[in-house]
Amino acid sequence: MRNKRSRPYNEEDVAFVHQNYAEMTAAQIADELGISKFQVAKIVTELRKAGVDLPKKTAKRANPVELYIKKNKIPTKSAPAARKTGGRKKKA
């Protein structure tokens, strides 16, 4: 299978990434602009290096395992509580 080639990014792409980075995932931005998600990451890195304050991401990719469990209403058991061991014993 051949990888999709992307085009070089331009100033309008940088502006779009800057405005929409917090609300969209890198893959969504890449699909919208027609560039690769690695180019989106590079734009973000260069913006941060230049001192631009980008907000933290609010859009994250959903965990497919959790989606499957919720969709099929599979019962889950609670996680076991951590045991307290009191730390490592010293050698005599």
PDB file of N, CA and C in Angstrom:
ATOM      1  N   MET A   1       0.842  -1.173   0.000  1.00  0.00           N
ATOM      2  CA  MET A   1       0.000   0.000   0.000  1.00  0.00           C
ATOM      3  C   MET A   1       0.890   1.240   0.000  1.00  0.00           C
ATOM      4  N   ARG A   2       0.596   2.148  -0.844  1.00  0.00           N
ATOM      5  CA  ARG A   2       1.422   3.338  -0.997  1.00  0.00           C
ATOM      6  C   ARG A   2       0.943   4.435  -0.051  1.00  0.00           C
ATOM      7  N   ASN A   3       1.892   5.105   0.594  1.00  0.00           N
ATOM      8  CA  ASN A   3       1.538   6.197   1.491  1.00  0.00           C
ATOM      9  C   ASN A   3       1.090   7.415   0.704  1.00  0.00           C
ATOM     10  N   LYS A   4       0.187   8.163   1.279  1.00  0.00           N
ATOM     11  CA  LYS A   4      -0.311   9.370   0.647  1.00  0.00           C
ATOM     12  C   LYS A   4       0.736  10.474   0.780  1.00  0.00           C
ATOM     13  N   ARG A   5       1.066  11.118  -0.307  1.00  0.00           N
ATOM     14  CA  ARG A   5       2.031  12.219  -0.262  1.00  0.00           C
ATOM     15  C   ARG A   5       1.311  13.484   0.153  1.00  0.00           C
ATOM     16  N   SER A   6       1.992  14.288   0.946  1.00  0.00           N
ATOM     17  CA  SER A   6       1.388  15.542   1.366  1.00  0.00           C
ATOM     18  C   SER A   6       2.134  16.702   0.717  1.00  0.00           C
ATOM     19  N   ARG A   7       1.501  17.819   0.705  1.00  0.00           N
ATOM     20  CA  ARG A   7       2.091  19.005   0.085  1.00  0.00           C
ATOM     21  C   ARG A   7       2.838  19.801   1.146  1.00  0.00           C
ATOM     22  N   PRO A   8       3.715  20.699   0.748  1.00  0.00           N
ATOM     23  CA  PRO A   8       4.381  21.571   1.727  1.00  0.00           C
ATOM     24  C   PRO A   8       3.357  22.516   2.366  1.00  0.00           C
ATOM     25  N   TYR A   9       3.534  22.794   3.645  1.00  0.00           N
ATOM     26  CA  TYR A   9       2.564  23.685   4.300  1.00  0.00           C
ATOM     27  C   TYR A   9       2.952  25.140   4.060  1.00  0.00           C
ATOM     28  N   ASN A  10       1.943  26.016   4.190  1.00  0.00           N
ATOM     29  CA  ASN A  10       2.163  27.436   3.932  1.00  0.00           C
ATOM     30  C   ASN A  10       1.662  28.268   5.108  1.00  0.00           C
ATOM     31  N   GLU A  11       1.653  29.582   4.940  1.00  0.00           N
ATOM     32  CA  GLU A  11       1.303  30.490   6.032  1.00  0.00           C
ATOM     33  C   GLU A  11      -0.152  30.326   6.477  1.00  0.00           C
ATOM     34  N   GLU A  12      -1.053  30.064   5.534  1.00  0.00           N
ATOM     35  CA  GLU A  12      -2.458  29.873   5.891  1.00  0.00           C
ATOM     36  C   GLU A  12      -2.641  28.609   6.734  1.00  0.00           C
ATOM     37  N   ASP A  13      -1.851  27.575   6.432  1.00  0.00           N
ATOM     38  CA  ASP A  13      -1.911  26.345   7.221  1.00  0.00           C
ATOM     39  C   ASP A  13      -1.454  26.593   8.653  1.00  0.00           C
ATOM     40  N   VAL A  14      -0.397  27.389   8.799  1.00  0.00           N
ATOM     41  CA  VAL A  14       0.107  27.714  10.139  1.00  0.00           C
ATOM     42  C   VAL A  14      -0.959  28.472  10.927  1.00  0.00           C
ATOM     43  N   ALA A  15      -1.634  29.414  10.271  1.00  0.00           N
ATOM     44  CA  ALA A  15      -2.697  30.176  10.936  1.00  0.00           C
ATOM     45  C   ALA A  15      -3.842  29.257  11.352  1.00  0.00           C
ATOM     46  N   PHE A  16      -4.213  28.316  10.487  1.00  0.00           N
ATOM     47  CA  PHE A  16      -5.296  27.388  10.807  1.00  0.00           C
ATOM     48  C   PHE A  16      -4.926  26.508  11.997  1.00  0.00           C
ATOM     49  N   VAL A  17      -3.693  26.004  12.000  1.00  0.00           N
ATOM     50  CA  VAL A  17      -3.235  25.162  13.113  1.00  0.00           C
ATOM     51  C   VAL A  17      -3.246  25.967  14.405  1.00  0.00           C
ATOM     52  N   HIS A  18      -2.775  27.212  14.360  1.00  0.00           N
ATOM     53  CA  HIS A  18      -2.724  28.054  15.549  1.00  0.00           C
ATOM     54  C   HIS A  18      -4.124  28.298  16.112  1.00  0.00           C
ATOM     55  N   GLN A  19      -5.107  28.490  15.253  1.00  0.00           N
ATOM     56  CA  GLN A  19      -6.456  28.797  15.704  1.00  0.00           C
ATOM     57  C   GLN A  19      -7.218  27.563  16.176  1.00  0.00           C
ATOM     58  N   ASN A  20      -6.944  26.393  15.601  1.00  0.00           N
ATOM     59  CA  ASN A  20      -7.770  25.219  15.858  1.00  0.00           C
ATOM     60  C   ASN A  20      -7.067  24.087  16.593  1.00  0.00           C
ATOM     61  N   TYR A  21      -5.851  24.304  17.064  1.00  0.00           N
ATOM     62  CA  TYR A  21      -5.074  23.211  17.658  1.00  0.00           C
ATOM     63  C   TYR A  21      -5.740  22.641  18.906  1.00  0.00           C
ATOM     64  N   ALA A  22      -6.332  23.470  19.739  1.00  0.00           N
ATOM     65  CA  ALA A  22      -6.905  22.989  20.996  1.00  0.00           C
ATOM     66  C   ALA A  22      -8.184  22.188  20.773  1.00  0.00           C
ATOM     67  N   GLU A  23      -8.960  22.547  19.760  1.00  0.00           N
ATOM     68  CA  GLU A  23     -10.271  21.916  19.572  1.00  0.00           C
ATOM     69  C   GLU A  23     -10.260  20.705  18.654  1.00  0.00           C
ATOM     70  N   MET A  24      -9.181  20.516  17.894  1.00  0.00           N
ATOM     71  CA  MET A  24      -9.132  19.422  16.920  1.00  0.00           C
ATOM     72  C   MET A  24      -7.890  18.574  17.154  1.00  0.00           C
ATOM     73  N   THR A  25      -7.980  17.316  16.760  1.00  0.00           N
ATOM     74  CA  THR A  25      -6.803  16.461  16.830  1.00  0.00           C
ATOM     75  C   THR A  25      -5.905  16.755  15.632  1.00  0.00           C
ATOM     76  N   ALA A  26      -4.652  16.308  15.729  1.00  0.00           N
ATOM     77  CA  ALA A  26      -3.708  16.538  14.632  1.00  0.00           C
ATOM     78  C   ALA A  26      -4.184  15.854  13.354  1.00  0.00           C
ATOM     79  N   ALA A  27      -4.782  14.685  13.488  1.00  0.00           N
ATOM     80  CA  ALA A  27      -5.278  13.969  12.312  1.00  0.00           C
ATOM     81  C   ALA A  27      -6.431  14.726  11.649  1.00  0.00           C
ATOM     82  N   GLN A  28      -7.311  15.314  12.458  1.00  0.00           N
ATOM     83  CA  GLN A  28      -8.422  16.084  11.898  1.00  0.00           C
ATOM     84  C   GLN A  28      -7.916  17.327  11.172  1.00  0.00           C
ATOM     85  N   ILE A  29      -6.947  18.004  11.776  1.00  0.00           N
ATOM     86  CA  ILE A  29      -6.370  19.185  11.136  1.00  0.00           C
ATOM     87  C   ILE A  29      -5.685  18.786   9.833  1.00  0.00           C
ATOM     88  N   ALA A  30      -4.945  17.684   9.869  1.00  0.00           N
ATOM     89  CA  ALA A  30      -4.233  17.216   8.680  1.00  0.00           C
ATOM     90  C   ALA A  30      -5.206  16.880   7.554  1.00  0.00           C
ATOM     91  N   ASP A  31      -6.302  16.205   7.878  1.00  0.00           N
ATOM     92  CA  ASP A  31      -7.298  15.871   6.859  1.00  0.00           C
ATOM     93  C   ASP A  31      -7.929  17.130   6.267  1.00  0.00           C
ATOM     94  N   GLU A  32      -8.209  18.089   7.125  1.00  0.00           N
ATOM     95  CA  GLU A  32      -8.839  19.329   6.667  1.00  0.00           C
ATOM     96  C   GLU A  32      -7.923  20.120   5.729  1.00  0.00           C
ATOM     97  N   LEU A  33      -6.627  20.164   6.058  1.00  0.00           N
ATOM     98  CA  LEU A  33      -5.697  20.975   5.273  1.00  0.00           C
ATOM     99  C   LEU A  33      -5.049  20.224   4.113  1.00  0.00           C
ATOM    100  N   GLY A  34      -5.037  18.893   4.194  1.00  0.00           N
ATOM    101  CA  GLY A  34      -4.386  18.115   3.151  1.00  0.00           C
ATOM    102  C   GLY A  34      -2.888  17.969   3.368  1.00  0.00           C
ATOM    103  N   ILE A  35      -2.454  18.118   4.614  1.00  0.00           N
ATOM    104  CA  ILE A  35      -1.054  17.899   4.965  1.00  0.00           C
ATOM    105  C   ILE A  35      -0.991  16.710   5.911  1.00  0.00           C
ATOM    106  N   SER A  36       0.206  16.242   6.249  1.00  0.00           N
ATOM    107  CA  SER A  36       0.320  15.091   7.140  1.00  0.00           C
ATOM    108  C   SER A  36       0.243  15.542   8.598  1.00  0.00           C
ATOM    109  N   LYS A  37      -0.101  14.600   9.472  1.00  0.00           N
ATOM    110  CA  LYS A  37      -0.175  14.948  10.893  1.00  0.00           C
ATOM    111  C   LYS A  37       1.214  15.224  11.455  1.00  0.00           C
ATOM    112  N   PHE A  38       2.240  14.705  10.811  1.00  0.00           N
ATOM    113  CA  PHE A  38       3.602  14.998  11.245  1.00  0.00           C
ATOM    114  C   PHE A  38       3.955  16.456  10.929  1.00  0.00           C
ATOM    115  N   GLN A  39       3.436  16.957   9.818  1.00  0.00           N
ATOM    116  CA  GLN A  39       3.638  18.373   9.506  1.00  0.00           C
ATOM    117  C   GLN A  39       2.894  19.251  10.503  1.00  0.00           C
ATOM    118  N   VAL A  40       1.719  18.813  10.946  1.00  0.00           N
ATOM    119  CA  VAL A  40       0.978  19.551  11.970  1.00  0.00           C
ATOM    120  C   VAL A  40       1.800  19.601  13.255  1.00  0.00           C
ATOM    121  N   ALA A  41       2.376  18.472  13.636  1.00  0.00           N
ATOM    122  CA  ALA A  41       3.208  18.426  14.838  1.00  0.00           C
ATOM    123  C   ALA A  41       4.433  19.331  14.693  1.00  0.00           C
ATOM    124  N   LYS A  42       5.004  19.374  13.509  1.00  0.00           N
ATOM    125  CA  LYS A  42       6.165  20.230  13.266  1.00  0.00           C
ATOM    126  C   LYS A  42       5.781  21.698  13.375  1.00  0.00           C
ATOM    127  N   ILE A  43       4.633  22.064  12.849  1.00  0.00           N
ATOM    128  CA  ILE A  43       4.161  23.449  12.956  1.00  0.00           C
ATOM    129  C   ILE A  43       3.992  23.821  14.424  1.00  0.00           C
ATOM    130  N   VAL A  44       3.377  22.927  15.197  1.00  0.00           N
ATOM    131  CA  VAL A  44       3.151  23.185  16.621  1.00  0.00           C
ATOM    132  C   VAL A  44       4.477  23.336  17.350  1.00  0.00           C
ATOM    133  N   THR A  45       5.441  22.475  17.050  1.00  0.00           N
ATOM    134  CA  THR A  45       6.753  22.549  17.684  1.00  0.00           C
ATOM    135  C   THR A  45       7.435  23.865  17.361  1.00  0.00           C
ATOM    136  N   GLU A  46       7.391  24.267  16.103  1.00  0.00           N
ATOM    137  CA  GLU A  46       8.030  25.517  15.706  1.00  0.00           C
ATOM    138  C   GLU A  46       7.334  26.725  16.322  1.00  0.00           C
ATOM    139  N   LEU A  47       6.011  26.688  16.444  1.00  0.00           N
ATOM    140  CA  LEU A  47       5.294  27.786  17.097  1.00  0.00           C
ATOM    141  C   LEU A  47       5.695  27.899  18.565  1.00  0.00           C
ATOM    142  N   ARG A  48       5.770  26.755  19.244  1.00  0.00           N
ATOM    143  CA  ARG A  48       6.163  26.774  20.660  1.00  0.00           C
ATOM    144  C   ARG A  48       7.603  27.238  20.822  1.00  0.00           C
ATOM    145  N   LYS A  49       8.481  26.827  19.896  1.00  0.00           N
ATOM    146  CA  LYS A  49       9.881  27.240  19.943  1.00  0.00           C
ATOM    147  C   LYS A  49      10.009  28.756  19.742  1.00  0.00           C
ATOM    148  N   ALA A  50       9.113  29.320  18.948  1.00  0.00           N
ATOM    149  CA  ALA A  50       9.134  30.754  18.688  1.00  0.00           C
ATOM    150  C   ALA A  50       8.515  31.552  19.831  1.00  0.00           C
ATOM    151  N   GLY A  51       7.951  30.875  20.824  1.00  0.00           N
ATOM    152  CA  GLY A  51       7.397  31.565  21.978  1.00  0.00           C
ATOM    153  C   GLY A  51       5.902  31.784  21.928  1.00  0.00           C
ATOM    154  N   VAL A  52       5.214  31.201  20.969  1.00  0.00           N
ATOM    155  CA  VAL A  52       3.761  31.337  20.872  1.00  0.00           C
ATOM    156  C   VAL A  52       3.120  30.441  21.923  1.00  0.00           C
ATOM    157  N   ASP A  53       2.175  31.003  22.680  1.00  0.00           N
ATOM    158  CA  ASP A  53       1.517  30.250  23.740  1.00  0.00           C
ATOM    159  C   ASP A  53       0.303  29.529  23.154  1.00  0.00           C
ATOM    160  N   LEU A  54       0.459  28.240  22.872  1.00  0.00           N
ATOM    161  CA  LEU A  54      -0.660  27.435  22.376  1.00  0.00           C
ATOM    162  C   LEU A  54      -1.391  26.833  23.563  1.00  0.00           C
ATOM    163  N   PRO A  55      -2.719  26.851  23.538  1.00  0.00           N
ATOM    164  CA  PRO A  55      -3.459  26.249  24.651  1.00  0.00           C
ATOM    165  C   PRO A  55      -3.304  24.736  24.666  1.00  0.00           C
ATOM    166  N   LYS A  56      -3.535  24.137  25.828  1.00  0.00           N
ATOM    167  CA  LYS A  56      -3.469  22.679  25.930  1.00  0.00           C
ATOM    168  C   LYS A  56      -4.600  22.078  25.124  1.00  0.00           C
ATOM    169  N   LYS A  57      -4.370  20.857  24.663  1.00  0.00           N
ATOM    170  CA  LYS A  57      -5.381  20.180  23.850  1.00  0.00           C
ATOM    171  C   LYS A  57      -6.594  19.813  24.695  1.00  0.00           C
ATOM    172  N   THR A  58      -7.770  20.036  24.127  1.00  0.00           N
ATOM    173  CA  THR A  58      -8.998  19.580  24.763  1.00  0.00           C
ATOM    174  C   THR A  58      -9.597  18.427  23.962  1.00  0.00           C
ATOM    175  N   ALA A  59      -9.222  18.315  22.691  1.00  0.00           N
ATOM    176  CA  ALA A  59      -9.716  17.235  21.839  1.00  0.00           C
ATOM    177  C   ALA A  59      -8.702  16.101  21.845  1.00  0.00           C
ATOM    178  N   LYS A  60      -9.155  14.934  22.233  1.00  0.00           N
ATOM    179  CA  LYS A  60      -8.281  13.773  22.243  1.00  0.00           C
ATOM    180  C   LYS A  60      -8.965  12.633  21.514  1.00  0.00           C
ATOM    181  N   ARG A  61      -8.163  11.751  20.984  1.00  0.00           N
ATOM    182  CA  ARG A  61      -8.688  10.571  20.315  1.00  0.00           C
ATOM    183  C   ARG A  61      -9.276   9.644  21.363  1.00  0.00           C
ATOM    184  N   ALA A  62     -10.458   9.138  21.097  1.00  0.00           N
ATOM    185  CA  ALA A  62     -11.122   8.243  22.042  1.00  0.00           C
ATOM    186  C   ALA A  62     -10.417   6.894  22.081  1.00  0.00           C
ATOM    187  N   ASN A  63     -10.386   6.275  23.255  1.00  0.00           N
ATOM    188  CA  ASN A  63      -9.780   4.956  23.412  1.00  0.00           C
ATOM    189  C   ASN A  63     -10.721   3.919  22.803  1.00  0.00           C
ATOM    190  N   PRO A  64     -10.284   3.177  21.768  1.00  0.00           N
ATOM    191  CA  PRO A  64     -11.175   2.220  21.112  1.00  0.00           C
ATOM    192  C   PRO A  64     -11.638   1.094  22.029  1.00  0.00           C
ATOM    193  N   VAL A  65     -10.824   0.706  22.993  1.00  0.00           N
ATOM    194  CA  VAL A  65     -11.217  -0.364  23.917  1.00  0.00           C
ATOM    195  C   VAL A  65     -12.369   0.116  24.797  1.00  0.00           C
ATOM    196  N   GLU A  66     -12.263   1.331  25.316  1.00  0.00           N
ATOM    197  CA  GLU A  66     -13.341   1.865  26.151  1.00  0.00           C
ATOM    198  C   GLU A  66     -14.624   2.050  25.345  1.00  0.00           C
ATOM    199  N   LEU A  67     -14.493   2.494  24.089  1.00  0.00           N
ATOM    200  CA  LEU A  67     -15.677   2.637  23.237  1.00  0.00           C
ATOM    201  C   LEU A  67     -16.371   1.293  23.018  1.00  0.00           C
ATOM    202  N   TYR A  68     -15.578   0.245  22.784  1.00  0.00           N
ATOM    203  CA  TYR A  68     -16.128  -1.093  22.572  1.00  0.00           C
ATOM    204  C   TYR A  68     -16.865  -1.574  23.821  1.00  0.00           C
ATOM    205  N   ILE A  69     -16.262  -1.366  24.986  1.00  0.00           N
ATOM    206  CA  ILE A  69     -16.882  -1.808  26.240  1.00  0.00           C
ATOM    207  C   ILE A  69     -18.202  -1.077  26.474  1.00  0.00           C
ATOM    208  N   LYS A  70     -18.211   0.242  26.245  1.00  0.00           N
ATOM    209  CA  LYS A  70     -19.439   1.018  26.437  1.00  0.00           C
ATOM    210  C   LYS A  70     -20.508   0.635  25.420  1.00  0.00           C
ATOM    211  N   LYS A  71     -20.086   0.439  24.165  1.00  0.00           N
ATOM    212  CA  LYS A  71     -21.034   0.129  23.093  1.00  0.00           C
ATOM    213  C   LYS A  71     -21.730  -1.203  23.335  1.00  0.00           C
ATOM    214  N   ASN A  72     -20.970  -2.200  23.768  1.00  0.00           N
ATOM    215  CA  ASN A  72     -21.524  -3.534  23.976  1.00  0.00           C
ATOM    216  C   ASN A  72     -21.987  -3.782  25.400  1.00  0.00           C
ATOM    217  N   LYS A  73     -21.914  -2.765  26.244  1.00  0.00           N
ATOM    218  CA  LYS A  73     -22.372  -2.833  27.635  1.00  0.00           C
ATOM    219  C   LYS A  73     -21.791  -4.047  28.353  1.00  0.00           C
ATOM    220  N   ILE A  74     -20.494  -4.197  28.269  1.00  0.00           N
ATOM    221  CA  ILE A  74     -19.784  -5.300  28.907  1.00  0.00           C
ATOM    222  C   ILE A  74     -19.509  -4.919  30.351  1.00  0.00           C
ATOM    223  N   PRO A  75     -19.911  -5.760  31.305  1.00  0.00           N
ATOM    224  CA  PRO A  75     -19.648  -5.429  32.715  1.00  0.00           C
ATOM    225  C   PRO A  75     -18.154  -5.539  33.016  1.00  0.00           C
ATOM    226  N   THR A  76     -17.677  -4.612  33.821  1.00  0.00           N
ATOM    227  CA  THR A  76     -16.268  -4.613  34.204  1.00  0.00           C
ATOM    228  C   THR A  76     -16.169  -4.750  35.708  1.00  0.00           C
ATOM    229  N   LYS A  77     -15.074  -5.345  36.170  1.00  0.00           N
ATOM    230  CA  LYS A  77     -14.860  -5.418  37.604  1.00  0.00           C
ATOM    231  C   LYS A  77     -13.942  -4.278  38.006  1.00  0.00           C
ATOM    232  N   SER A  78     -14.057  -3.866  39.244  1.00  0.00           N
ATOM    233  CA  SER A  78     -13.247  -2.734  39.691  1.00  0.00           C
ATOM    234  C   SER A  78     -11.789  -3.156  39.829  1.00  0.00           C
ATOM    235  N   ALA A  79     -10.917  -2.189  39.711  1.00  0.00           N
ATOM    236  CA  ALA A  79      -9.484  -2.451  39.819  1.00  0.00           C
ATOM    237  C   ALA A  79      -9.137  -2.820  41.257  1.00  0.00           C
ATOM    238  N   PRO A  80      -8.226  -3.766  41.460  1.00  0.00           N
ATOM    239  CA  PRO A  80      -7.861  -4.147  42.825  1.00  0.00           C
ATOM    240  C   PRO A  80      -7.125  -3.009  43.514  1.00  0.00           C
ATOM    241  N   ALA A  81      -7.335  -2.900  44.819  1.00  0.00           N
ATOM    242  CA  ALA A  81      -6.673  -1.854  45.587  1.00  0.00           C
ATOM    243  C   ALA A  81      -5.194  -2.202  45.731  1.00  0.00           C
ATOM    244  N   ALA A  82      -4.371  -1.183  45.763  1.00  0.00           N
ATOM    245  CA  ALA A  82      -2.932  -1.396  45.896  1.00  0.00           C
ATOM    246  C   ALA A  82      -2.613  -1.891  47.303  1.00  0.00           C
ATOM    247  N   ARG A  83      -1.719  -2.899  47.379  1.00  0.00           N
ATOM    248  CA  ARG A  83      -1.329  -3.422  48.685  1.00  0.00           C
ATOM    249  C   ARG A  83      -0.284  -2.512  49.304  1.00  0.00           C
ATOM    250  N   LYS A  84      -0.381  -2.372  50.590  1.00  0.00           N
ATOM    251  CA  LYS A  84       0.628  -1.601  51.299  1.00  0.00           C
ATOM    252  C   LYS A  84       1.665  -2.580  51.822  1.00  0.00           C
ATOM    253  N   THR A  85       2.872  -2.456  51.323  1.00  0.00           N
ATOM    254  CA  THR A  85       3.931  -3.393  51.718  1.00  0.00           C
ATOM    255  C   THR A  85       4.862  -2.789  52.747  1.00  0.00           C
ATOM    256  N   GLY A  86       4.760  -1.510  52.970  1.00  0.00           N
ATOM    257  CA  GLY A  86       5.618  -0.884  53.959  1.00  0.00           C
ATOM    258  C   GLY A  86       7.016  -0.607  53.438  1.00  0.00           C
ATOM    259  N   GLY A  87       7.226  -0.716  52.170  1.00  0.00           N
ATOM    260  CA  GLY A  87       8.537  -0.452  51.606  1.00  0.00           C
ATOM    261  C   GLY A  87       9.407  -1.687  51.559  1.00  0.00           C
ATOM    262  N   ARG A  88      10.591  -1.524  51.104  1.00  0.00           N
ATOM    263  CA  ARG A  88      11.533  -2.630  50.953  1.00  0.00           C
ATOM    264  C   ARG A  88      12.263  -2.891  52.267  1.00  0.00           C
ATOM    265  N   LYS A  89      12.411  -4.162  52.598  1.00  0.00           N
ATOM    266  CA  LYS A  89      13.094  -4.513  53.843  1.00  0.00           C
ATOM    267  C   LYS A  89      14.593  -4.429  53.641  1.00  0.00           C
ATOM    268  N   LYS A  90      15.267  -3.953  54.666  1.00  0.00           N
ATOM    269  CA  LYS A  90      16.713  -3.823  54.600  1.00  0.00           C
ATOM    270  C   LYS A  90      17.359  -5.144  54.931  1.00  0.00           C
ATOM    271  N   LYS A  91      18.516  -5.376  54.320  1.00  0.00           N
ATOM    272  CA  LYS A  91      19.272  -6.604  54.605  1.00  0.00           C
ATOM    273  C   LYS A  91      19.977  -6.440  55.926  1.00  0.00           C
ATOM    274  N   ALA A  92      20.115  -7.555  56.640  1.00  0.00           N
ATOM    275  CA  ALA A  92      20.758  -7.511  57.953  1.00  0.00           C
ATOM    276  C   ALA A  92      22.244  -7.420  57.851  1.00  0.00           C
TER     277      ALA A  92
END
